[in-house]
ModelCIF file with pLDDT and N, C-alpha, C, O atoms, coordinates in Angstrom:
data_MODEL
#
_entry.id   MODEL 
#
_entity.id                         1 
_entity.type                       polymer 
_entity.pdbx_number_of_molecules   1 
#
_entity_poly.entity_id                      1 
_entity_poly.type                           'polypeptide(L)' 
_entity_poly.nstd_linkage                   no 
_entity_poly.nstd_monomer                   no 
_entity_poly.pdbx_seq_one_letter_code       
;(UNK)(UNK)(UNK)(UNK)(UNK)(UNK)(UNK)(UNK)(UNK)(UNK)(UNK)(UNK)(UNK)(UNK)(UNK)(UNK)
(UNK)(UNK)(UNK)(UNK)(UNK)(UNK)(UNK)(UNK)(UNK)(UNK)(UNK)(UNK)(UNK)(UNK)(UNK)(UNK)
(UNK)(UNK)(UNK)(UNK)(UNK)(UNK)(UNK)(UNK)(UNK)(UNK)
;
_entity_poly.pdbx_seq_one_letter_code_can   XXXXXXXXXXXXXXXXXXXXXXXXXXXXXXXXXXXXXXXXXX 
_entity_poly.pdbx_strand_id                 A 
#
loop_
_entity_poly_seq.entity_id 
_entity_poly_seq.num 
_entity_poly_seq.mon_id 
_entity_poly_seq.hetero 
1 1  UNK n 
1 2  UNK n 
1 3  UNK n 
1 4  UNK n 
1 5  UNK n 
1 6  UNK n 
1 7  UNK n 
1 8  UNK n 
1 9  UNK n 
1 10 UNK n 
1 11 UNK n 
1 12 UNK n 
1 13 UNK n 
1 14 UNK n 
1 15 UNK n 
1 16 UNK n 
1 17 UNK n 
1 18 UNK n 
1 19 UNK n 
1 20 UNK n 
1 21 UNK n 
1 22 UNK n 
1 23 UNK n 
1 24 UNK n 
1 25 UNK n 
1 26 UNK n 
1 27 UNK n 
1 28 UNK n 
1 29 UNK n 
1 30 UNK n 
1 31 UNK n 
1 32 UNK n 
1 33 UNK n 
1 34 UNK n 
1 35 UNK n 
1 36 UNK n 
1 37 UNK n 
1 38 UNK n 
1 39 UNK n 
1 40 UNK n 
1 41 UNK n 
1 42 UNK n 
#
_struct_asym.id          A 
_struct_asym.entity_id   1 
#
loop_
_ma_qa_metric.id 
_ma_qa_metric.mode 
_ma_qa_metric.name 
_ma_qa_metric.software_group_id 
_ma_qa_metric.type 
1 global pLDDT . pLDDT 
2 local  pLDDT . pLDDT 
#
_ma_qa_metric_global.metric_id      1 
_ma_qa_metric_global.metric_value   92.45 
_ma_qa_metric_global.model_id       1 
_ma_qa_metric_global.ordinal_id     1 
#
loop_
_ma_qa_metric_local.label_asym_id 
_ma_qa_metric_local.label_comp_id 
_ma_qa_metric_local.label_seq_id 
_ma_qa_metric_local.metric_id 
_ma_qa_metric_local.metric_value 
_ma_qa_metric_local.model_id 
_ma_qa_metric_local.ordinal_id 
A UNK 1  2 95.00 1 1  
A UNK 2  2 94.00 1 2  
A UNK 3  2 88.00 1 3  
A UNK 4  2 86.00 1 4  
A UNK 5  2 82.00 1 5  
A UNK 6  2 87.00 1 6  
A UNK 7  2 91.00 1 7  
A UNK 8  2 92.00 1 8  
A UNK 9  2 95.00 1 9  
A UNK 10 2 97.00 1 10 
A UNK 11 2 97.00 1 11 
A UNK 12 2 98.00 1 12 
A UNK 13 2 97.00 1 13 
A UNK 14 2 96.00 1 14 
A UNK 15 2 97.00 1 15 
A UNK 16 2 96.00 1 16 
A UNK 17 2 96.00 1 17 
A UNK 18 2 97.00 1 18 
A UNK 19 2 97.00 1 19 
A UNK 20 2 97.00 1 20 
A UNK 21 2 97.00 1 21 
A UNK 22 2 97.00 1 22 
A UNK 23 2 95.00 1 23 
A UNK 24 2 93.00 1 24 
A UNK 25 2 89.00 1 25 
A UNK 26 2 85.00 1 26 
A UNK 27 2 80.00 1 27 
A UNK 28 2 84.00 1 28 
A UNK 29 2 85.00 1 29 
A UNK 30 2 84.00 1 30 
A UNK 31 2 85.00 1 31 
A UNK 32 2 90.00 1 32 
A UNK 33 2 91.00 1 33 
A UNK 34 2 92.00 1 34 
A UNK 35 2 95.00 1 35 
A UNK 36 2 96.00 1 36 
A UNK 37 2 94.00 1 37 
A UNK 38 2 95.00 1 38 
A UNK 39 2 96.00 1 39 
A UNK 40 2 95.00 1 40 
A UNK 41 2 95.00 1 41 
A UNK 42 2 95.00 1 42 
#
loop_
_atom_site.group_PDB 
_atom_site.id 
_atom_site.type_symbol 
_atom_site.label_atom_id 
_atom_site.label_alt_id 
_atom_site.label_comp_id 
_atom_site.label_asym_id 
_atom_site.label_entity_id 
_atom_site.label_seq_id 
_atom_site.pdbx_PDB_ins_code 
_atom_site.Cartn_x 
_atom_site.Cartn_y 
_atom_site.Cartn_z 
_atom_site.occupancy 
_atom_site.B_iso_or_equiv 
_atom_site.pdbx_formal_charge 
_atom_site.auth_seq_id 
_atom_site.auth_comp_id 
_atom_site.auth_asym_id 
_atom_site.auth_atom_id 
_atom_site.pdbx_PDB_model_num 
ATOM 1   N N  . UNK A 1 1  ? -61.450 85.560  173.581 1.00 95.00 ? 1  UNK A N  1 
ATOM 2   C CA . UNK A 1 1  ? -61.488 84.626  172.976 1.00 95.00 ? 1  UNK A CA 1 
ATOM 3   C C  . UNK A 1 1  ? -62.534 84.736  171.715 1.00 95.00 ? 1  UNK A C  1 
ATOM 4   O O  . UNK A 1 1  ? -62.405 84.043  170.706 1.00 95.00 ? 1  UNK A O  1 
ATOM 5   N N  . UNK A 1 2  ? -63.684 85.785  171.917 1.00 94.00 ? 2  UNK A N  1 
ATOM 6   C CA . UNK A 1 2  ? -64.723 85.352  171.289 1.00 94.00 ? 2  UNK A CA 1 
ATOM 7   C C  . UNK A 1 2  ? -64.490 85.616  169.684 1.00 94.00 ? 2  UNK A C  1 
ATOM 8   O O  . UNK A 1 2  ? -64.789 86.740  169.281 1.00 94.00 ? 2  UNK A O  1 
ATOM 9   N N  . UNK A 1 3  ? -64.086 84.866  168.936 1.00 88.00 ? 3  UNK A N  1 
ATOM 10  C CA . UNK A 1 3  ? -63.757 85.487  167.757 1.00 88.00 ? 3  UNK A CA 1 
ATOM 11  C C  . UNK A 1 3  ? -64.895 86.157  166.901 1.00 88.00 ? 3  UNK A C  1 
ATOM 12  O O  . UNK A 1 3  ? -65.938 85.503  166.872 1.00 88.00 ? 3  UNK A O  1 
ATOM 13  N N  . UNK A 1 4  ? -64.889 87.105  166.338 1.00 86.00 ? 4  UNK A N  1 
ATOM 14  C CA . UNK A 1 4  ? -66.131 87.683  165.565 1.00 86.00 ? 4  UNK A CA 1 
ATOM 15  C C  . UNK A 1 4  ? -66.757 86.802  164.329 1.00 86.00 ? 4  UNK A C  1 
ATOM 16  O O  . UNK A 1 4  ? -66.020 86.261  163.505 1.00 86.00 ? 4  UNK A O  1 
ATOM 17  N N  . UNK A 1 5  ? -67.878 86.729  164.289 1.00 82.00 ? 5  UNK A N  1 
ATOM 18  C CA . UNK A 1 5  ? -68.532 85.702  163.091 1.00 82.00 ? 5  UNK A CA 1 
ATOM 19  C C  . UNK A 1 5  ? -68.558 84.265  163.343 1.00 82.00 ? 5  UNK A C  1 
ATOM 20  O O  . UNK A 1 5  ? -69.497 83.576  162.944 1.00 82.00 ? 5  UNK A O  1 
ATOM 21  N N  . UNK A 1 6  ? -67.349 83.676  164.128 1.00 87.00 ? 6  UNK A N  1 
ATOM 22  C CA . UNK A 1 6  ? -67.243 82.272  164.259 1.00 87.00 ? 6  UNK A CA 1 
ATOM 23  C C  . UNK A 1 6  ? -67.806 81.869  165.664 1.00 87.00 ? 6  UNK A C  1 
ATOM 24  O O  . UNK A 1 6  ? -68.543 80.887  165.743 1.00 87.00 ? 6  UNK A O  1 
ATOM 25  N N  . UNK A 1 7  ? -67.475 82.613  166.793 1.00 91.00 ? 7  UNK A N  1 
ATOM 26  C CA . UNK A 1 7  ? -68.231 82.593  168.015 1.00 91.00 ? 7  UNK A CA 1 
ATOM 27  C C  . UNK A 1 7  ? -68.985 83.760  168.519 1.00 91.00 ? 7  UNK A C  1 
ATOM 28  O O  . UNK A 1 7  ? -68.852 84.869  168.001 1.00 91.00 ? 7  UNK A O  1 
ATOM 29  N N  . UNK A 1 8  ? -69.703 83.557  169.428 1.00 92.00 ? 8  UNK A N  1 
ATOM 30  C CA . UNK A 1 8  ? -71.171 84.775  169.863 1.00 92.00 ? 8  UNK A CA 1 
ATOM 31  C C  . UNK A 1 8  ? -70.212 85.531  170.509 1.00 92.00 ? 8  UNK A C  1 
ATOM 32  O O  . UNK A 1 8  ? -69.081 85.179  170.842 1.00 92.00 ? 8  UNK A O  1 
ATOM 33  N N  . UNK A 1 9  ? -70.834 86.756  170.681 1.00 95.00 ? 9  UNK A N  1 
ATOM 34  C CA . UNK A 1 9  ? -69.905 87.945  171.455 1.00 95.00 ? 9  UNK A CA 1 
ATOM 35  C C  . UNK A 1 9  ? -70.636 87.550  172.903 1.00 95.00 ? 9  UNK A C  1 
ATOM 36  O O  . UNK A 1 9  ? -71.714 86.969  173.019 1.00 95.00 ? 9  UNK A O  1 
ATOM 37  N N  . UNK A 1 10 ? -69.739 88.032  174.008 1.00 97.00 ? 10 UNK A N  1 
ATOM 38  C CA . UNK A 1 10 ? -69.724 87.403  175.368 1.00 97.00 ? 10 UNK A CA 1 
ATOM 39  C C  . UNK A 1 10 ? -70.204 88.684  176.553 1.00 97.00 ? 10 UNK A C  1 
ATOM 40  O O  . UNK A 1 10 ? -69.246 89.390  176.871 1.00 97.00 ? 10 UNK A O  1 
ATOM 41  N N  . UNK A 1 11 ? -71.368 89.011  177.140 1.00 97.00 ? 11 UNK A N  1 
ATOM 42  C CA . UNK A 1 11 ? -71.898 89.779  177.789 1.00 97.00 ? 11 UNK A CA 1 
ATOM 43  C C  . UNK A 1 11 ? -70.901 89.871  179.068 1.00 97.00 ? 11 UNK A C  1 
ATOM 44  O O  . UNK A 1 11 ? -70.916 88.767  179.612 1.00 97.00 ? 11 UNK A O  1 
ATOM 45  N N  . UNK A 1 12 ? -70.078 90.729  179.727 1.00 98.00 ? 12 UNK A N  1 
ATOM 46  C CA . UNK A 1 12 ? -69.364 91.014  180.743 1.00 98.00 ? 12 UNK A CA 1 
ATOM 47  C C  . UNK A 1 12 ? -70.466 91.896  181.599 1.00 98.00 ? 12 UNK A C  1 
ATOM 48  O O  . UNK A 1 12 ? -71.162 92.719  181.004 1.00 98.00 ? 12 UNK A O  1 
ATOM 49  N N  . UNK A 1 13 ? -70.556 91.749  182.605 1.00 97.00 ? 13 UNK A N  1 
ATOM 50  C CA . UNK A 1 13 ? -71.654 92.369  183.533 1.00 97.00 ? 13 UNK A CA 1 
ATOM 51  C C  . UNK A 1 13 ? -70.696 93.119  184.889 1.00 97.00 ? 13 UNK A C  1 
ATOM 52  O O  . UNK A 1 13 ? -71.087 94.039  185.608 1.00 97.00 ? 13 UNK A O  1 
ATOM 53  N N  . UNK A 1 14 ? -69.491 92.481  184.951 1.00 96.00 ? 14 UNK A N  1 
ATOM 54  C CA . UNK A 1 14 ? -68.724 92.984  186.021 1.00 96.00 ? 14 UNK A CA 1 
ATOM 55  C C  . UNK A 1 14 ? -67.230 93.237  185.644 1.00 96.00 ? 14 UNK A C  1 
ATOM 56  O O  . UNK A 1 14 ? -66.475 92.567  184.939 1.00 96.00 ? 14 UNK A O  1 
ATOM 57  N N  . UNK A 1 15 ? -67.015 94.481  186.367 1.00 97.00 ? 15 UNK A N  1 
ATOM 58  C CA . UNK A 1 15 ? -67.547 95.446  187.014 1.00 97.00 ? 15 UNK A CA 1 
ATOM 59  C C  . UNK A 1 15 ? -68.688 96.031  186.232 1.00 97.00 ? 15 UNK A C  1 
ATOM 60  O O  . UNK A 1 15 ? -68.664 96.027  185.001 1.00 97.00 ? 15 UNK A O  1 
ATOM 61  N N  . UNK A 1 16 ? -69.793 96.588  186.993 1.00 96.00 ? 16 UNK A N  1 
ATOM 62  C CA . UNK A 1 16 ? -71.032 96.949  186.431 1.00 96.00 ? 16 UNK A CA 1 
ATOM 63  C C  . UNK A 1 16 ? -70.741 98.082  185.477 1.00 96.00 ? 16 UNK A C  1 
ATOM 64  O O  . UNK A 1 16 ? -71.363 98.043  184.415 1.00 96.00 ? 16 UNK A O  1 
ATOM 65  N N  . UNK A 1 17 ? -70.008 98.960  185.646 1.00 96.00 ? 17 UNK A N  1 
ATOM 66  C CA . UNK A 1 17 ? -69.655 100.604 184.932 1.00 96.00 ? 17 UNK A CA 1 
ATOM 67  C C  . UNK A 1 17 ? -68.949 100.069 183.980 1.00 96.00 ? 17 UNK A C  1 
ATOM 68  O O  . UNK A 1 17 ? -68.488 101.049 183.394 1.00 96.00 ? 17 UNK A O  1 
ATOM 69  N N  . UNK A 1 18 ? -68.441 98.807  183.272 1.00 97.00 ? 18 UNK A N  1 
ATOM 70  C CA . UNK A 1 18 ? -67.962 98.482  182.163 1.00 97.00 ? 18 UNK A CA 1 
ATOM 71  C C  . UNK A 1 18 ? -68.905 97.147  181.565 1.00 97.00 ? 18 UNK A C  1 
ATOM 72  O O  . UNK A 1 18 ? -68.338 96.524  180.667 1.00 97.00 ? 18 UNK A O  1 
ATOM 73  N N  . UNK A 1 19 ? -69.943 96.764  181.867 1.00 97.00 ? 19 UNK A N  1 
ATOM 74  C CA . UNK A 1 19 ? -70.869 95.924  181.832 1.00 97.00 ? 19 UNK A CA 1 
ATOM 75  C C  . UNK A 1 19 ? -71.419 96.552  180.278 1.00 97.00 ? 19 UNK A C  1 
ATOM 76  O O  . UNK A 1 19 ? -71.879 97.684  180.132 1.00 97.00 ? 19 UNK A O  1 
ATOM 77  N N  . UNK A 1 20 ? -71.235 95.432  179.077 1.00 97.00 ? 20 UNK A N  1 
ATOM 78  C CA . UNK A 1 20 ? -71.672 95.128  177.990 1.00 97.00 ? 20 UNK A CA 1 
ATOM 79  C C  . UNK A 1 20 ? -71.084 94.042  177.149 1.00 97.00 ? 20 UNK A C  1 
ATOM 80  O O  . UNK A 1 20 ? -70.542 93.059  177.655 1.00 97.00 ? 20 UNK A O  1 
ATOM 81  N N  . UNK A 1 21 ? -71.208 94.246  175.726 1.00 97.00 ? 21 UNK A N  1 
ATOM 82  C CA . UNK A 1 21 ? -70.886 93.124  174.990 1.00 97.00 ? 21 UNK A CA 1 
ATOM 83  C C  . UNK A 1 21 ? -69.669 93.044  174.482 1.00 97.00 ? 21 UNK A C  1 
ATOM 84  O O  . UNK A 1 21 ? -69.246 94.055  173.920 1.00 97.00 ? 21 UNK A O  1 
ATOM 85  N N  . UNK A 1 22 ? -68.856 91.915  174.541 1.00 97.00 ? 22 UNK A N  1 
ATOM 86  C CA . UNK A 1 22 ? -67.508 91.788  174.256 1.00 97.00 ? 22 UNK A CA 1 
ATOM 87  C C  . UNK A 1 22 ? -67.006 90.751  173.132 1.00 97.00 ? 22 UNK A C  1 
ATOM 88  O O  . UNK A 1 22 ? -67.500 89.640  172.938 1.00 97.00 ? 22 UNK A O  1 
ATOM 89  N N  . UNK A 1 23 ? -65.788 91.396  172.335 1.00 95.00 ? 23 UNK A N  1 
ATOM 90  C CA . UNK A 1 23 ? -65.315 90.142  171.434 1.00 95.00 ? 23 UNK A CA 1 
ATOM 91  C C  . UNK A 1 23 ? -63.841 90.028  171.633 1.00 95.00 ? 23 UNK A C  1 
ATOM 92  O O  . UNK A 1 23 ? -63.187 90.623  172.489 1.00 95.00 ? 23 UNK A O  1 
ATOM 93  N N  . UNK A 1 24 ? -63.340 89.082  170.622 1.00 93.00 ? 24 UNK A N  1 
ATOM 94  C CA . UNK A 1 24 ? -61.943 89.026  170.593 1.00 93.00 ? 24 UNK A CA 1 
ATOM 95  C C  . UNK A 1 24 ? -61.216 90.071  170.691 1.00 93.00 ? 24 UNK A C  1 
ATOM 96  O O  . UNK A 1 24 ? -61.514 91.028  169.977 1.00 93.00 ? 24 UNK A O  1 
ATOM 97  N N  . UNK A 1 25 ? -60.103 90.170  171.574 1.00 89.00 ? 25 UNK A N  1 
ATOM 98  C CA . UNK A 1 25 ? -59.235 91.030  171.900 1.00 89.00 ? 25 UNK A CA 1 
ATOM 99  C C  . UNK A 1 25 ? -58.246 91.305  170.529 1.00 89.00 ? 25 UNK A C  1 
ATOM 100 O O  . UNK A 1 25 ? -57.808 92.413  170.218 1.00 89.00 ? 25 UNK A O  1 
ATOM 101 N N  . UNK A 1 26 ? -58.015 90.107  169.828 1.00 85.00 ? 26 UNK A N  1 
ATOM 102 C CA . UNK A 1 26 ? -57.439 90.231  168.710 1.00 85.00 ? 26 UNK A CA 1 
ATOM 103 C C  . UNK A 1 26 ? -57.827 90.966  167.706 1.00 85.00 ? 26 UNK A C  1 
ATOM 104 O O  . UNK A 1 26 ? -57.028 91.172  166.792 1.00 85.00 ? 26 UNK A O  1 
ATOM 105 N N  . UNK A 1 27 ? -58.916 91.424  167.673 1.00 80.00 ? 27 UNK A N  1 
ATOM 106 C CA . UNK A 1 27 ? -59.415 92.591  166.393 1.00 80.00 ? 27 UNK A CA 1 
ATOM 107 C C  . UNK A 1 27 ? -58.844 93.630  166.309 1.00 80.00 ? 27 UNK A C  1 
ATOM 108 O O  . UNK A 1 27 ? -58.828 94.415  165.361 1.00 80.00 ? 27 UNK A O  1 
ATOM 109 N N  . UNK A 1 28 ? -58.185 93.715  167.603 1.00 84.00 ? 28 UNK A N  1 
ATOM 110 C CA . UNK A 1 28 ? -57.616 95.453  167.541 1.00 84.00 ? 28 UNK A CA 1 
ATOM 111 C C  . UNK A 1 28 ? -56.431 95.388  168.240 1.00 84.00 ? 28 UNK A C  1 
ATOM 112 O O  . UNK A 1 28 ? -55.766 96.422  168.301 1.00 84.00 ? 28 UNK A O  1 
ATOM 113 N N  . UNK A 1 29 ? -56.000 94.323  168.816 1.00 85.00 ? 29 UNK A N  1 
ATOM 114 C CA . UNK A 1 29 ? -54.823 94.276  169.723 1.00 85.00 ? 29 UNK A CA 1 
ATOM 115 C C  . UNK A 1 29 ? -54.804 92.573  169.961 1.00 85.00 ? 29 UNK A C  1 
ATOM 116 O O  . UNK A 1 29 ? -55.494 91.859  170.689 1.00 85.00 ? 29 UNK A O  1 
ATOM 117 N N  . UNK A 1 30 ? -53.729 92.270  169.041 1.00 84.00 ? 30 UNK A N  1 
ATOM 118 C CA . UNK A 1 30 ? -53.461 90.578  169.013 1.00 84.00 ? 30 UNK A CA 1 
ATOM 119 C C  . UNK A 1 30 ? -52.199 90.500  169.951 1.00 84.00 ? 30 UNK A C  1 
ATOM 120 O O  . UNK A 1 30 ? -51.987 89.603  170.767 1.00 84.00 ? 30 UNK A O  1 
ATOM 121 N N  . UNK A 1 31 ? -51.402 91.578  169.703 1.00 85.00 ? 31 UNK A N  1 
ATOM 122 C CA . UNK A 1 31 ? -50.208 91.116  170.908 1.00 85.00 ? 31 UNK A CA 1 
ATOM 123 C C  . UNK A 1 31 ? -50.186 92.087  171.648 1.00 85.00 ? 31 UNK A C  1 
ATOM 124 O O  . UNK A 1 31 ? -49.687 93.144  171.262 1.00 85.00 ? 31 UNK A O  1 
ATOM 125 N N  . UNK A 1 32 ? -50.754 91.937  172.951 1.00 90.00 ? 32 UNK A N  1 
ATOM 126 C CA . UNK A 1 32 ? -50.741 93.143  173.809 1.00 90.00 ? 32 UNK A CA 1 
ATOM 127 C C  . UNK A 1 32 ? -49.523 93.600  174.336 1.00 90.00 ? 32 UNK A C  1 
ATOM 128 O O  . UNK A 1 32 ? -49.263 93.485  175.534 1.00 90.00 ? 32 UNK A O  1 
ATOM 129 N N  . UNK A 1 33 ? -48.748 94.119  173.509 1.00 91.00 ? 33 UNK A N  1 
ATOM 130 C CA . UNK A 1 33 ? -47.170 94.552  173.993 1.00 91.00 ? 33 UNK A CA 1 
ATOM 131 C C  . UNK A 1 33 ? -47.275 96.016  174.811 1.00 91.00 ? 33 UNK A C  1 
ATOM 132 O O  . UNK A 1 33 ? -46.415 96.318  175.638 1.00 91.00 ? 33 UNK A O  1 
ATOM 133 N N  . UNK A 1 34 ? -48.319 96.827  174.528 1.00 92.00 ? 34 UNK A N  1 
ATOM 134 C CA . UNK A 1 34 ? -48.635 97.961  175.031 1.00 92.00 ? 34 UNK A CA 1 
ATOM 135 C C  . UNK A 1 34 ? -48.897 97.988  176.376 1.00 92.00 ? 34 UNK A C  1 
ATOM 136 O O  . UNK A 1 34 ? -48.239 98.628  177.196 1.00 92.00 ? 34 UNK A O  1 
ATOM 137 N N  . UNK A 1 35 ? -50.017 97.181  176.655 1.00 95.00 ? 35 UNK A N  1 
ATOM 138 C CA . UNK A 1 35 ? -50.715 97.195  177.741 1.00 95.00 ? 35 UNK A CA 1 
ATOM 139 C C  . UNK A 1 35 ? -49.674 96.495  179.053 1.00 95.00 ? 35 UNK A C  1 
ATOM 140 O O  . UNK A 1 35 ? -49.841 96.706  180.254 1.00 95.00 ? 35 UNK A O  1 
ATOM 141 N N  . UNK A 1 36 ? -48.548 95.592  178.414 1.00 96.00 ? 36 UNK A N  1 
ATOM 142 C CA . UNK A 1 36 ? -47.527 95.004  179.248 1.00 96.00 ? 36 UNK A CA 1 
ATOM 143 C C  . UNK A 1 36 ? -46.654 96.203  179.813 1.00 96.00 ? 36 UNK A C  1 
ATOM 144 O O  . UNK A 1 36 ? -46.198 96.215  180.956 1.00 96.00 ? 36 UNK A O  1 
ATOM 145 N N  . UNK A 1 37 ? -46.494 97.106  178.972 1.00 94.00 ? 37 UNK A N  1 
ATOM 146 C CA . UNK A 1 37 ? -45.541 98.364  179.348 1.00 94.00 ? 37 UNK A CA 1 
ATOM 147 C C  . UNK A 1 37 ? -46.279 99.035  180.287 1.00 94.00 ? 37 UNK A C  1 
ATOM 148 O O  . UNK A 1 37 ? -45.718 99.473  181.291 1.00 94.00 ? 37 UNK A O  1 
ATOM 149 N N  . UNK A 1 38 ? -47.524 99.191  180.100 1.00 95.00 ? 38 UNK A N  1 
ATOM 150 C CA . UNK A 1 38 ? -48.608 100.466 180.827 1.00 95.00 ? 38 UNK A CA 1 
ATOM 151 C C  . UNK A 1 38 ? -48.480 99.644  182.119 1.00 95.00 ? 38 UNK A C  1 
ATOM 152 O O  . UNK A 1 38 ? -48.303 100.331 183.126 1.00 95.00 ? 38 UNK A O  1 
ATOM 153 N N  . UNK A 1 39 ? -48.522 98.580  182.263 1.00 96.00 ? 39 UNK A N  1 
ATOM 154 C CA . UNK A 1 39 ? -48.840 97.398  183.678 1.00 96.00 ? 39 UNK A CA 1 
ATOM 155 C C  . UNK A 1 39 ? -47.321 97.622  184.384 1.00 96.00 ? 39 UNK A C  1 
ATOM 156 O O  . UNK A 1 39 ? -47.247 97.234  185.550 1.00 96.00 ? 39 UNK A O  1 
ATOM 157 N N  . UNK A 1 40 ? -46.260 98.135  183.869 1.00 95.00 ? 40 UNK A N  1 
ATOM 158 C CA . UNK A 1 40 ? -45.036 98.355  184.790 1.00 95.00 ? 40 UNK A CA 1 
ATOM 159 C C  . UNK A 1 40 ? -44.160 97.469  184.240 1.00 95.00 ? 40 UNK A C  1 
ATOM 160 O O  . UNK A 1 40 ? -43.092 97.372  184.844 1.00 95.00 ? 40 UNK A O  1 
ATOM 161 N N  . UNK A 1 41 ? -44.339 96.619  183.015 1.00 95.00 ? 41 UNK A N  1 
ATOM 162 C CA . UNK A 1 41 ? -42.854 96.247  182.698 1.00 95.00 ? 41 UNK A CA 1 
ATOM 163 C C  . UNK A 1 41 ? -41.742 96.739  182.241 1.00 95.00 ? 41 UNK A C  1 
ATOM 164 O O  . UNK A 1 41 ? -41.788 97.602  181.363 1.00 95.00 ? 41 UNK A O  1 
ATOM 165 N N  . UNK A 1 42 ? -40.782 96.379  182.643 1.00 95.00 ? 42 UNK A N  1 
ATOM 166 C CA . UNK A 1 42 ? -39.200 96.858  182.320 1.00 95.00 ? 42 UNK A CA 1 
ATOM 167 C C  . UNK A 1 42 ? -38.543 95.629  181.344 1.00 95.00 ? 42 UNK A C  1 
ATOM 168 O O  . UNK A 1 42 ? -37.381 95.711  180.947 1.00 95.00 ? 42 UNK A O  1 
#
C-alpha cells in the first residue's frame, strides 16, 4: 500500500532472501488477476 511519492517505501526483511525496499503493488499490477490464476484459480 506504499503509494510512491505520497507514502514512504517499506523495508521487507522476511523472508531474508527477498529483503529490500518495496512500494505500492499498483504501480505495475493494480488488479492481480494473473497471480490469482497462477495460484490455482478456476
